[in-house]
């Protein structure tokens, strides 16, 4: 274990030495920001005007409408009360049959 701890300490010292070398050489290469050292400089965010956002939104909505096509929505299907009662009675009968089988098995 002591050997591993010693190796970790040596690696950390090597990392610090490399960071110092990078910090010394970065200005010579024209990189002044720390972000460039970490993995890439960030660009300032581009802002769009309200009209540009609206045009983009309308164009995207048109694309989606084209993909979906001009399908008419399916009519809402309603069920009569008599049909509902019939389905409910059938379900009650199924449960009664299941309970009877469970009672018989036990």
Protein backbone atom coordinates (compact mmCIF):
# COMPACT_ATOMS: atom_id res chain seq x y z
CA UNK A 1 0.00 0.00 0.00
CA UNK A 2 2.80 2.41 0.84
CA UNK A 3 4.24 1.79 -2.61
CA UNK A 4 0.96 2.79 -4.28
CA UNK A 5 0.71 5.92 -2.15
CA UNK A 6 4.25 6.82 -3.15
CA UNK A 7 3.42 6.30 -6.83
CA UNK A 8 0.32 8.53 -6.52
CA UNK A 9 2.44 11.26 -4.90
CA UNK A 10 5.03 11.07 -7.70
CA UNK A 11 2.32 11.25 -10.37
CA UNK A 12 0.78 14.31 -8.72
CA UNK A 13 4.18 16.01 -8.65
CA UNK A 14 4.65 15.18 -12.34
CA UNK A 15 1.19 16.59 -13.11
CA UNK A 16 2.03 19.84 -11.29
CA UNK A 17 5.33 20.10 -13.18
CA UNK A 18 3.52 19.62 -16.52
CA UNK A 19 0.88 22.21 -15.61
CA UNK A 20 3.63 24.73 -14.86
CA UNK A 21 5.32 23.97 -18.18
CA UNK A 22 2.03 24.40 -20.05
CA UNK A 23 1.35 27.67 -18.25
CA UNK A 24 4.81 28.94 -19.27
CA UNK A 25 4.50 27.88 -22.91
CA UNK A 26 0.85 28.78 -23.56
CA UNK A 27 1.44 32.56 -23.91
CA UNK A 28 4.18 31.88 -26.47
CA UNK A 29 1.72 29.87 -28.56
CA UNK A 30 -0.87 32.66 -28.37
CA UNK A 31 -3.11 30.92 -25.87
CA UNK A 32 -3.79 33.26 -23.01
CA UNK A 33 -6.92 31.70 -21.56
CA UNK A 34 -6.98 28.82 -19.13
CA UNK A 35 -10.02 27.47 -20.99
CA UNK A 36 -7.80 26.75 -23.99
CA UNK A 37 -5.56 24.63 -21.77
CA UNK A 38 -8.53 22.74 -20.33
CA UNK A 39 -9.94 21.65 -23.64
CA UNK A 40 -11.08 24.45 -25.86
CA UNK A 41 -12.01 28.08 -25.66
CA UNK A 42 -15.68 28.97 -25.41
CA UNK A 43 -17.20 31.27 -27.95
CA UNK A 44 -19.55 34.05 -26.98
CA UNK A 45 -23.15 32.97 -27.43
CA UNK A 46 -24.89 34.21 -30.53
CA UNK A 47 -28.17 35.94 -29.87
CA UNK A 48 -31.00 35.95 -32.35
CA UNK A 49 -33.53 38.69 -32.78
CA UNK A 50 -37.18 37.96 -32.06
CA UNK A 51 -38.02 38.06 -35.78
CA UNK A 52 -35.25 35.59 -36.61
CA UNK A 53 -36.42 33.21 -33.88
CA UNK A 54 -39.99 33.53 -35.17
CA UNK A 55 -38.92 32.76 -38.76
CA UNK A 56 -36.98 29.69 -37.58
CA UNK A 57 -39.95 28.56 -35.50
CA UNK A 58 -42.38 28.91 -38.40
CA UNK A 59 -40.02 27.03 -40.72
CA UNK A 60 -39.60 24.17 -38.24
CA UNK A 61 -43.36 23.94 -37.68
CA UNK A 62 -43.81 23.74 -41.46
CA UNK A 63 -41.24 20.92 -41.62
CA UNK A 64 -43.06 18.98 -38.92
CA UNK A 65 -46.40 19.55 -40.62
CA UNK A 66 -44.94 18.19 -43.85
CA UNK A 67 -43.60 15.10 -42.05
CA UNK A 68 -46.90 14.43 -40.34
CA UNK A 69 -48.92 15.12 -43.43
CA UNK A 70 -52.35 16.66 -43.39
CA UNK A 71 -54.02 13.85 -41.48
CA UNK A 72 -57.39 14.65 -40.05
CA UNK A 73 -57.63 13.74 -36.41
CA UNK A 74 -59.49 10.54 -35.65
CA UNK A 75 -63.01 11.13 -34.43
CA UNK A 76 -63.51 10.76 -30.71
CA UNK A 77 -65.20 7.44 -30.11
CA UNK A 78 -67.79 7.47 -27.41
CA UNK A 79 -69.43 4.48 -25.84
CA UNK A 80 -73.07 4.27 -24.88
CA UNK A 81 -73.98 3.67 -21.25
CA UNK A 82 -75.51 0.31 -22.18
CA UNK A 83 -72.21 -0.80 -23.76
CA UNK A 84 -70.29 0.31 -20.67
CA UNK A 85 -72.66 -1.63 -18.42
CA UNK A 86 -72.30 -4.73 -20.59
CA UNK A 87 -68.47 -4.55 -20.45
CA UNK A 88 -68.53 -3.98 -16.68
CA UNK A 89 -70.83 -6.97 -16.16
CA UNK A 90 -68.57 -9.19 -18.28
CA UNK A 91 -65.53 -8.09 -16.27
CA UNK A 92 -67.30 -8.77 -12.98
CA UNK A 93 -68.17 -12.26 -14.26
CA UNK A 94 -64.52 -12.89 -15.21
CA UNK A 95 -63.33 -11.85 -11.75
CA UNK A 96 -65.99 -13.99 -10.07
CA UNK A 97 -64.83 -16.98 -12.11
CA UNK A 98 -61.17 -16.30 -11.19
CA UNK A 99 -62.02 -15.97 -7.49
CA UNK A 100 -64.02 -19.18 -7.61
CA UNK A 101 -61.08 -21.05 -9.17
CA UNK A 102 -58.70 -19.64 -6.54
CA UNK A 103 -61.08 -20.63 -3.74
CA UNK A 104 -61.45 -24.12 -5.21
CA UNK A 105 -57.64 -24.51 -5.51
CA UNK A 106 -57.06 -23.40 -1.90
